[in-house]
Amino acid sequence: MAKDCIFCQIANHQADAKIEYEDEDFIVFHDIKPSAPVHVLIVPKRHIELADDLVEWEAISGRILSIAKRVAKKLGIAESGFKLVMNCGRGAGQMIDHLHFHLIGGWEKDPGLV
């Protein structure tokens, strides 16, 4: 855990968040600045700053997809569709230095047409 990392604090229940899913390795909670009607973050509990720092990418990516599918169903966006986005580095828009994925959806219309 990085002491000053808000995602580590949330994963350790030292900071508040609206949690949708949690297991021994991951936590999923609502984004505080949502860009869609449904916007949650899938976060590994272990502090990993960037995807480039991840050695076991194949193992974790399968878990991420499985969790995304489960949470999308729980939040009612699995049927209508959702996006799974990862920003890797500041140049890509990553604001928190802890690997995470945005699960977003819930638009009534095609988001490209809104």
N, C-alpha and C. Protein backbone atom coordinates (compact mmCIF):
# COMPACT_ATOMS: atom_id res chain seq x y z
N MET A 1 0.85 -1.19 0.00
CA MET A 1 0.00 0.00 0.00
C MET A 1 0.88 1.24 0.00
N ALA A 2 0.54 2.17 -0.87
CA ALA A 2 1.19 3.47 -0.86
C ALA A 2 0.37 4.38 0.06
N LYS A 3 0.98 4.93 1.08
CA LYS A 3 0.26 5.69 2.10
C LYS A 3 -0.54 6.85 1.54
N ASP A 4 -0.03 7.51 0.52
CA ASP A 4 -0.72 8.69 0.00
C ASP A 4 -1.62 8.37 -1.19
N CYS A 5 -1.81 7.10 -1.52
CA CYS A 5 -2.64 6.71 -2.66
C CYS A 5 -4.09 6.53 -2.21
N ILE A 6 -4.98 7.34 -2.78
CA ILE A 6 -6.40 7.27 -2.40
C ILE A 6 -7.00 5.92 -2.73
N PHE A 7 -6.57 5.28 -3.83
CA PHE A 7 -7.13 3.97 -4.18
C PHE A 7 -6.68 2.91 -3.18
N CYS A 8 -5.45 2.99 -2.69
CA CYS A 8 -5.00 2.07 -1.65
C CYS A 8 -5.80 2.30 -0.36
N GLN A 9 -6.08 3.55 -0.05
CA GLN A 9 -6.86 3.86 1.15
C GLN A 9 -8.27 3.30 1.03
N ILE A 10 -8.88 3.43 -0.14
CA ILE A 10 -10.22 2.87 -0.36
C ILE A 10 -10.17 1.35 -0.25
N ALA A 11 -9.17 0.73 -0.87
CA ALA A 11 -9.04 -0.73 -0.85
C ALA A 11 -8.87 -1.26 0.57
N ASN A 12 -8.28 -0.46 1.43
CA ASN A 12 -8.07 -0.85 2.82
C ASN A 12 -9.15 -0.30 3.75
N HIS A 13 -10.21 0.26 3.17
CA HIS A 13 -11.34 0.81 3.93
C HIS A 13 -10.91 1.91 4.89
N GLN A 14 -9.93 2.71 4.44
CA GLN A 14 -9.47 3.86 5.21
C GLN A 14 -10.00 5.17 4.62
N ALA A 15 -10.70 5.06 3.50
CA ALA A 15 -11.35 6.20 2.86
C ALA A 15 -12.70 5.72 2.34
N ASP A 16 -13.66 6.62 2.30
CA ASP A 16 -15.01 6.26 1.89
C ASP A 16 -15.15 6.13 0.38
N ALA A 17 -15.97 5.19 -0.02
CA ALA A 17 -16.34 5.01 -1.42
C ALA A 17 -17.60 4.16 -1.45
N LYS A 18 -18.39 4.33 -2.51
CA LYS A 18 -19.56 3.49 -2.71
C LYS A 18 -19.08 2.24 -3.45
N ILE A 19 -18.94 1.15 -2.71
CA ILE A 19 -18.36 -0.08 -3.24
C ILE A 19 -19.45 -0.95 -3.86
N GLU A 20 -19.17 -1.46 -5.06
CA GLU A 20 -20.08 -2.35 -5.76
C GLU A 20 -19.63 -3.80 -5.75
N TYR A 21 -18.33 -4.02 -5.60
CA TYR A 21 -17.80 -5.39 -5.62
C TYR A 21 -16.45 -5.37 -4.91
N GLU A 22 -16.15 -6.49 -4.25
CA GLU A 22 -14.86 -6.61 -3.61
C GLU A 22 -14.53 -8.09 -3.45
N ASP A 23 -13.28 -8.43 -3.70
CA ASP A 23 -12.76 -9.76 -3.37
C ASP A 23 -11.37 -9.57 -2.79
N GLU A 24 -10.61 -10.63 -2.68
CA GLU A 24 -9.30 -10.53 -2.02
C GLU A 24 -8.29 -9.71 -2.83
N ASP A 25 -8.51 -9.58 -4.15
CA ASP A 25 -7.54 -8.90 -5.01
C ASP A 25 -8.02 -7.59 -5.64
N PHE A 26 -9.33 -7.40 -5.74
CA PHE A 26 -9.88 -6.23 -6.45
C PHE A 26 -10.98 -5.58 -5.65
N ILE A 27 -11.17 -4.29 -5.93
CA ILE A 27 -12.30 -3.55 -5.38
C ILE A 27 -12.89 -2.71 -6.52
N VAL A 28 -14.21 -2.59 -6.54
CA VAL A 28 -14.90 -1.81 -7.56
C VAL A 28 -15.77 -0.78 -6.84
N PHE A 29 -15.58 0.48 -7.22
CA PHE A 29 -16.34 1.55 -6.56
C PHE A 29 -16.68 2.64 -7.56
N HIS A 30 -17.66 3.47 -7.19
CA HIS A 30 -18.14 4.53 -8.07
C HIS A 30 -17.12 5.66 -8.17
N ASP A 31 -16.94 6.16 -9.39
CA ASP A 31 -16.06 7.30 -9.65
C ASP A 31 -16.69 8.55 -9.05
N ILE A 32 -15.89 9.40 -8.42
CA ILE A 32 -16.44 10.62 -7.81
C ILE A 32 -16.75 11.71 -8.83
N LYS A 33 -16.20 11.57 -10.05
CA LYS A 33 -16.50 12.49 -11.14
C LYS A 33 -16.94 11.68 -12.35
N PRO A 34 -18.14 11.11 -12.31
CA PRO A 34 -18.57 10.21 -13.38
C PRO A 34 -18.72 10.92 -14.72
N SER A 35 -18.37 10.20 -15.78
CA SER A 35 -18.53 10.73 -17.13
C SER A 35 -19.66 10.02 -17.87
N ALA A 36 -20.44 9.25 -17.14
CA ALA A 36 -21.56 8.51 -17.71
C ALA A 36 -22.56 8.22 -16.60
N PRO A 37 -23.77 7.84 -16.95
CA PRO A 37 -24.75 7.50 -15.90
C PRO A 37 -24.24 6.41 -14.94
N VAL A 38 -23.51 5.44 -15.47
CA VAL A 38 -22.86 4.43 -14.64
C VAL A 38 -21.36 4.55 -14.89
N HIS A 39 -20.59 4.78 -13.84
CA HIS A 39 -19.14 4.93 -13.98
C HIS A 39 -18.49 4.43 -12.70
N VAL A 40 -17.93 3.22 -12.79
CA VAL A 40 -17.23 2.64 -11.65
C VAL A 40 -15.79 2.35 -12.03
N LEU A 41 -14.95 2.21 -11.03
CA LEU A 41 -13.54 1.91 -11.23
C LEU A 41 -13.24 0.51 -10.72
N ILE A 42 -12.54 -0.26 -11.52
CA ILE A 42 -12.08 -1.59 -11.13
C ILE A 42 -10.61 -1.44 -10.78
N VAL A 43 -10.28 -1.71 -9.52
CA VAL A 43 -8.95 -1.38 -9.00
C VAL A 43 -8.33 -2.60 -8.31
N PRO A 44 -7.12 -2.99 -8.72
CA PRO A 44 -6.44 -4.03 -7.94
C PRO A 44 -6.08 -3.47 -6.57
N LYS A 45 -6.21 -4.30 -5.55
CA LYS A 45 -5.90 -3.84 -4.20
C LYS A 45 -4.40 -3.64 -4.03
N ARG A 46 -3.60 -4.42 -4.73
CA ARG A 46 -2.15 -4.25 -4.67
C ARG A 46 -1.78 -2.98 -5.44
N HIS A 47 -0.92 -2.17 -4.88
CA HIS A 47 -0.53 -0.92 -5.53
C HIS A 47 0.37 -1.20 -6.73
N ILE A 48 -0.18 -0.92 -7.91
CA ILE A 48 0.54 -1.03 -9.18
C ILE A 48 0.32 0.31 -9.86
N GLU A 49 1.39 1.03 -10.17
CA GLU A 49 1.21 2.38 -10.71
C GLU A 49 0.72 2.38 -12.16
N LEU A 50 1.37 1.61 -13.02
CA LEU A 50 1.06 1.63 -14.45
C LEU A 50 0.93 0.21 -14.98
N ALA A 51 0.24 0.06 -16.08
CA ALA A 51 0.15 -1.25 -16.73
C ALA A 51 1.54 -1.75 -17.10
N ASP A 52 2.45 -0.85 -17.40
CA ASP A 52 3.83 -1.24 -17.74
C ASP A 52 4.53 -1.92 -16.57
N ASP A 53 4.07 -1.67 -15.33
CA ASP A 53 4.67 -2.25 -14.15
C ASP A 53 4.13 -3.66 -13.85
N LEU A 54 3.15 -4.08 -14.61
CA LEU A 54 2.48 -5.34 -14.35
C LEU A 54 3.15 -6.48 -15.09
N VAL A 55 3.72 -7.41 -14.34
CA VAL A 55 4.41 -8.55 -14.93
C VAL A 55 3.42 -9.60 -15.39
N GLU A 56 2.41 -9.88 -14.58
CA GLU A 56 1.46 -10.94 -14.86
C GLU A 56 0.22 -10.41 -15.58
N TRP A 57 0.41 -9.70 -16.68
CA TRP A 57 -0.67 -9.02 -17.40
C TRP A 57 -1.78 -9.98 -17.83
N GLU A 58 -1.42 -11.15 -18.37
CA GLU A 58 -2.44 -12.08 -18.86
C GLU A 58 -3.37 -12.53 -17.74
N ALA A 59 -2.82 -12.83 -16.58
CA ALA A 59 -3.64 -13.29 -15.46
C ALA A 59 -4.58 -12.20 -14.96
N ILE A 60 -4.08 -11.00 -14.81
CA ILE A 60 -4.91 -9.92 -14.26
C ILE A 60 -5.94 -9.44 -15.29
N SER A 61 -5.60 -9.44 -16.57
CA SER A 61 -6.55 -8.96 -17.57
C SER A 61 -7.77 -9.86 -17.64
N GLY A 62 -7.58 -11.17 -17.50
CA GLY A 62 -8.73 -12.08 -17.47
C GLY A 62 -9.63 -11.82 -16.28
N ARG A 63 -9.04 -11.56 -15.14
CA ARG A 63 -9.83 -11.25 -13.94
C ARG A 63 -10.59 -9.94 -14.10
N ILE A 64 -9.93 -8.94 -14.70
CA ILE A 64 -10.58 -7.64 -14.93
C ILE A 64 -11.82 -7.83 -15.79
N LEU A 65 -11.70 -8.58 -16.88
CA LEU A 65 -12.84 -8.78 -17.78
C LEU A 65 -13.97 -9.54 -17.09
N SER A 66 -13.63 -10.51 -16.29
CA SER A 66 -14.63 -11.27 -15.56
C SER A 66 -15.37 -10.38 -14.55
N ILE A 67 -14.63 -9.57 -13.84
CA ILE A 67 -15.23 -8.65 -12.86
C ILE A 67 -16.09 -7.61 -13.58
N ALA A 68 -15.59 -7.08 -14.70
CA ALA A 68 -16.36 -6.08 -15.46
C ALA A 68 -17.70 -6.65 -15.89
N LYS A 69 -17.70 -7.86 -16.39
CA LYS A 69 -18.94 -8.51 -16.83
C LYS A 69 -19.91 -8.67 -15.66
N ARG A 70 -19.40 -9.13 -14.52
CA ARG A 70 -20.24 -9.33 -13.34
C ARG A 70 -20.83 -8.01 -12.83
N VAL A 71 -19.99 -6.97 -12.75
CA VAL A 71 -20.46 -5.69 -12.23
C VAL A 71 -21.40 -5.01 -13.22
N ALA A 72 -21.12 -5.12 -14.52
CA ALA A 72 -22.02 -4.56 -15.53
C ALA A 72 -23.42 -5.17 -15.42
N LYS A 73 -23.47 -6.46 -15.20
CA LYS A 73 -24.76 -7.13 -15.02
C LYS A 73 -25.45 -6.61 -13.76
N LYS A 74 -24.71 -6.52 -12.66
CA LYS A 74 -25.26 -6.03 -11.40
C LYS A 74 -25.82 -4.62 -11.53
N LEU A 75 -25.13 -3.77 -12.30
CA LEU A 75 -25.53 -2.36 -12.44
C LEU A 75 -26.51 -2.13 -13.58
N GLY A 76 -26.90 -3.21 -14.28
CA GLY A 76 -27.93 -3.10 -15.31
C GLY A 76 -27.46 -2.56 -16.65
N ILE A 77 -26.15 -2.66 -16.94
CA ILE A 77 -25.67 -2.15 -18.22
C ILE A 77 -25.08 -3.24 -19.12
N ALA A 78 -25.15 -4.48 -18.69
CA ALA A 78 -24.57 -5.57 -19.48
C ALA A 78 -25.30 -5.75 -20.81
N GLU A 79 -26.60 -5.66 -20.80
CA GLU A 79 -27.39 -5.87 -22.02
C GLU A 79 -27.30 -4.70 -22.99
N SER A 80 -27.33 -3.48 -22.47
CA SER A 80 -27.32 -2.30 -23.34
C SER A 80 -25.93 -1.97 -23.85
N GLY A 81 -24.90 -2.42 -23.13
CA GLY A 81 -23.53 -2.19 -23.54
C GLY A 81 -22.77 -1.29 -22.58
N PHE A 82 -21.47 -1.46 -22.58
CA PHE A 82 -20.61 -0.68 -21.70
C PHE A 82 -19.23 -0.55 -22.31
N LYS A 83 -18.44 0.36 -21.75
CA LYS A 83 -17.05 0.54 -22.15
C LYS A 83 -16.16 0.15 -20.98
N LEU A 84 -15.02 -0.42 -21.30
CA LEU A 84 -13.99 -0.71 -20.31
C LEU A 84 -12.74 0.01 -20.78
N VAL A 85 -12.28 1.00 -20.01
CA VAL A 85 -11.21 1.89 -20.44
C VAL A 85 -10.08 1.89 -19.41
N MET A 86 -8.85 1.88 -19.92
CA MET A 86 -7.69 2.03 -19.05
C MET A 86 -6.84 3.15 -19.61
N ASN A 87 -6.50 4.11 -18.78
CA ASN A 87 -5.57 5.16 -19.14
C ASN A 87 -4.22 4.78 -18.55
N CYS A 88 -3.19 4.80 -19.36
CA CYS A 88 -1.86 4.40 -18.88
C CYS A 88 -0.91 5.58 -19.01
N GLY A 89 -0.71 6.30 -17.90
CA GLY A 89 0.19 7.44 -17.87
C GLY A 89 -0.54 8.76 -18.00
N ARG A 90 0.12 9.82 -17.58
CA ARG A 90 -0.46 11.17 -17.60
C ARG A 90 -0.89 11.60 -19.01
N GLY A 91 -0.07 11.25 -20.01
CA GLY A 91 -0.39 11.63 -21.38
C GLY A 91 -1.67 11.02 -21.89
N ALA A 92 -2.12 9.94 -21.25
CA ALA A 92 -3.37 9.28 -21.63
C ALA A 92 -4.52 9.66 -20.72
N GLY A 93 -4.25 10.51 -19.74
CA GLY A 93 -5.31 10.98 -18.85
C GLY A 93 -5.36 10.29 -17.50
N GLN A 94 -4.38 9.45 -17.17
CA GLN A 94 -4.37 8.80 -15.86
C GLN A 94 -4.07 9.84 -14.79
N MET A 95 -5.01 10.03 -13.87
CA MET A 95 -4.86 11.05 -12.83
C MET A 95 -4.38 10.49 -11.50
N ILE A 96 -4.66 9.24 -11.24
CA ILE A 96 -4.24 8.57 -10.00
C ILE A 96 -3.19 7.54 -10.37
N ASP A 97 -2.05 7.57 -9.70
CA ASP A 97 -0.96 6.64 -10.01
C ASP A 97 -1.18 5.28 -9.37
N HIS A 98 -2.26 4.65 -9.79
CA HIS A 98 -2.62 3.30 -9.35
C HIS A 98 -3.44 2.71 -10.50
N LEU A 99 -2.97 1.60 -11.03
CA LEU A 99 -3.65 0.95 -12.16
C LEU A 99 -5.14 0.79 -11.87
N HIS A 100 -5.98 1.18 -12.82
CA HIS A 100 -7.42 1.02 -12.67
C HIS A 100 -8.09 1.06 -14.04
N PHE A 101 -9.28 0.53 -14.07
CA PHE A 101 -10.08 0.46 -15.29
C PHE A 101 -11.41 1.14 -15.02
N HIS A 102 -11.88 1.91 -16.00
CA HIS A 102 -13.17 2.58 -15.91
C HIS A 102 -14.20 1.70 -16.61
N LEU A 103 -15.25 1.33 -15.90
CA LEU A 103 -16.38 0.62 -16.47
C LEU A 103 -17.49 1.64 -16.57
N ILE A 104 -17.85 2.01 -17.81
CA ILE A 104 -18.82 3.09 -18.00
C ILE A 104 -19.92 2.66 -18.97
N GLY A 105 -21.09 3.20 -18.75
CA GLY A 105 -22.24 2.90 -19.62
C GLY A 105 -23.49 3.52 -19.05
N GLY A 106 -24.62 3.02 -19.51
CA GLY A 106 -25.90 3.48 -19.01
C GLY A 106 -26.54 4.61 -19.79
N TRP A 107 -26.00 4.91 -20.96
CA TRP A 107 -26.62 5.93 -21.79
C TRP A 107 -27.89 5.36 -22.40
N GLU A 108 -28.89 6.19 -22.54
CA GLU A 108 -30.14 5.73 -23.18
C GLU A 108 -29.97 5.66 -24.68
N LYS A 109 -29.11 6.51 -25.24
CA LYS A 109 -28.86 6.53 -26.67
C LYS A 109 -27.42 6.13 -26.91
N ASP A 110 -27.10 5.88 -28.14
CA ASP A 110 -25.73 5.58 -28.53
C ASP A 110 -24.86 6.76 -28.10
N PRO A 111 -23.82 6.53 -27.26
CA PRO A 111 -23.02 7.66 -26.75
C PRO A 111 -22.32 8.44 -27.86
N GLY A 112 -22.12 7.84 -29.00
CA GLY A 112 -21.52 8.56 -30.13
C GLY A 112 -22.49 9.53 -30.77
N LEU A 113 -23.77 9.37 -30.47
CA LEU A 113 -24.80 10.24 -31.07
C LEU A 113 -25.31 11.29 -30.09
N VAL A 114 -24.89 11.20 -28.84
CA VAL A 114 -25.39 12.12 -27.82
C VAL A 114 -24.66 13.43 -27.90
